[in-house]
Amino acid sequence: RTHSCAALRSILPRMDALLELDLGGNSINDNCVEDLVSGLAECNNLLSLRLISNWLFDDGFDMLIQGLPASVSLLNVSDNQIAL
């Protein structure tokens, strides 16, 4: 895991009032998704997550879908490597 992913895991829980998060173009890959999902677990107000133009594949997408807060109503993962 990269240091940036670990940073997301530690910073995001402190941002529980976060409504939108755009991490497009940040080279987020399947390995980073576990940290991202863990960090977002306390963000119960999050409505929108954009992960456009990263390096997500099917496994990372599955992990993301299963771990996102229920409040998320918009998830944009366009321009990734998802084949589903």
Protein backbone atom coordinates (compact mmCIF):
# COMPACT_ATOMS: atom_id res chain seq x y z
CA ARG A 1 0.00 0.00 0.00
CA THR A 2 1.17 3.45 -0.71
CA HIS A 3 1.59 6.15 1.90
CA SER A 4 -1.22 8.16 0.28
CA CYS A 5 -3.69 5.33 0.76
CA ALA A 6 -2.70 4.93 4.39
CA ALA A 7 -3.12 8.69 4.81
CA LEU A 8 -6.68 8.47 3.46
CA ARG A 9 -7.41 5.70 5.94
CA SER A 10 -6.35 7.89 8.87
CA ILE A 11 -7.71 11.26 7.69
CA LEU A 12 -11.14 10.36 6.34
CA PRO A 13 -12.62 9.14 9.66
CA ARG A 14 -12.10 12.66 11.03
CA MET A 15 -14.20 14.07 8.18
CA ASP A 16 -17.57 12.62 9.18
CA ALA A 17 -19.45 15.66 7.80
CA LEU A 18 -17.95 15.15 4.32
CA LEU A 19 -20.64 15.29 1.61
CA GLU A 20 -18.63 14.92 -1.60
CA LEU A 21 -15.24 13.44 -2.37
CA ASP A 22 -13.52 13.63 -5.75
CA LEU A 23 -10.39 11.48 -6.02
CA GLY A 24 -10.34 11.33 -9.80
CA GLY A 25 -6.98 10.94 -11.52
CA ASN A 26 -5.11 9.86 -8.39
CA SER A 27 -3.88 6.41 -9.52
CA ILE A 28 -6.05 4.70 -6.91
CA ASN A 29 -5.86 0.96 -7.51
CA ASP A 30 -7.48 -2.16 -6.06
CA ASN A 31 -4.87 -2.30 -3.28
CA CYS A 32 -5.83 1.18 -2.14
CA VAL A 33 -9.58 0.51 -2.07
CA GLU A 34 -9.40 -1.34 1.25
CA ASP A 35 -7.85 1.73 2.89
CA LEU A 36 -10.33 4.04 1.19
CA VAL A 37 -13.36 2.01 2.29
CA SER A 38 -12.01 1.72 5.82
CA GLY A 39 -11.46 5.47 5.97
CA LEU A 40 -14.94 6.23 4.63
CA ALA A 41 -16.71 3.94 7.12
CA GLU A 42 -17.48 6.85 9.49
CA CYS A 43 -18.48 9.27 6.70
CA ASN A 44 -22.20 8.63 7.08
CA ASN A 45 -23.13 11.90 5.35
CA LEU A 46 -21.15 11.19 2.18
CA LEU A 47 -23.43 11.53 -0.83
CA SER A 48 -21.04 11.54 -3.76
CA LEU A 49 -17.78 9.71 -4.50
CA ARG A 50 -15.93 10.25 -7.77
CA LEU A 51 -13.07 7.94 -8.67
CA ILE A 52 -12.83 8.79 -12.36
CA SER A 53 -9.63 7.88 -14.26
CA ASN A 54 -7.94 5.70 -11.67
CA TRP A 55 -6.69 2.10 -11.85
CA LEU A 56 -9.69 0.23 -10.45
CA PHE A 57 -10.43 -3.29 -11.67
CA ASP A 58 -13.33 -5.64 -10.92
CA ASP A 59 -12.02 -6.81 -7.53
CA GLY A 60 -11.49 -3.26 -6.27
CA PHE A 61 -14.91 -2.23 -7.57
CA ASP A 62 -16.57 -5.14 -5.71
CA MET A 63 -14.77 -4.19 -2.50
CA LEU A 64 -15.78 -0.56 -2.99
CA ILE A 65 -19.46 -1.36 -3.53
CA GLN A 66 -19.60 -3.62 -0.49
CA GLY A 67 -17.85 -1.18 1.82
CA LEU A 68 -19.30 2.22 0.94
CA PRO A 69 -21.50 4.02 3.47
CA ALA A 70 -25.21 3.56 2.69
CA SER A 71 -25.55 7.34 2.29
CA VAL A 72 -23.65 7.36 -1.03
CA SER A 73 -26.12 7.98 -3.84
CA LEU A 74 -23.63 8.89 -6.59
CA LEU A 75 -20.60 6.77 -7.41
CA ASN A 76 -18.68 7.60 -10.57
CA VAL A 77 -15.99 5.12 -11.56
CA SER A 78 -15.85 5.91 -15.26
CA ASP A 79 -12.57 5.57 -17.16
CA ASN A 80 -11.24 2.72 -15.01
CA GLN A 81 -10.46 -0.91 -15.87
CA ILE A 82 -13.80 -2.34 -14.68
CA ALA A 83 -15.25 -4.99 -16.98
CA LEU A 84 -18.49 -5.76 -15.11
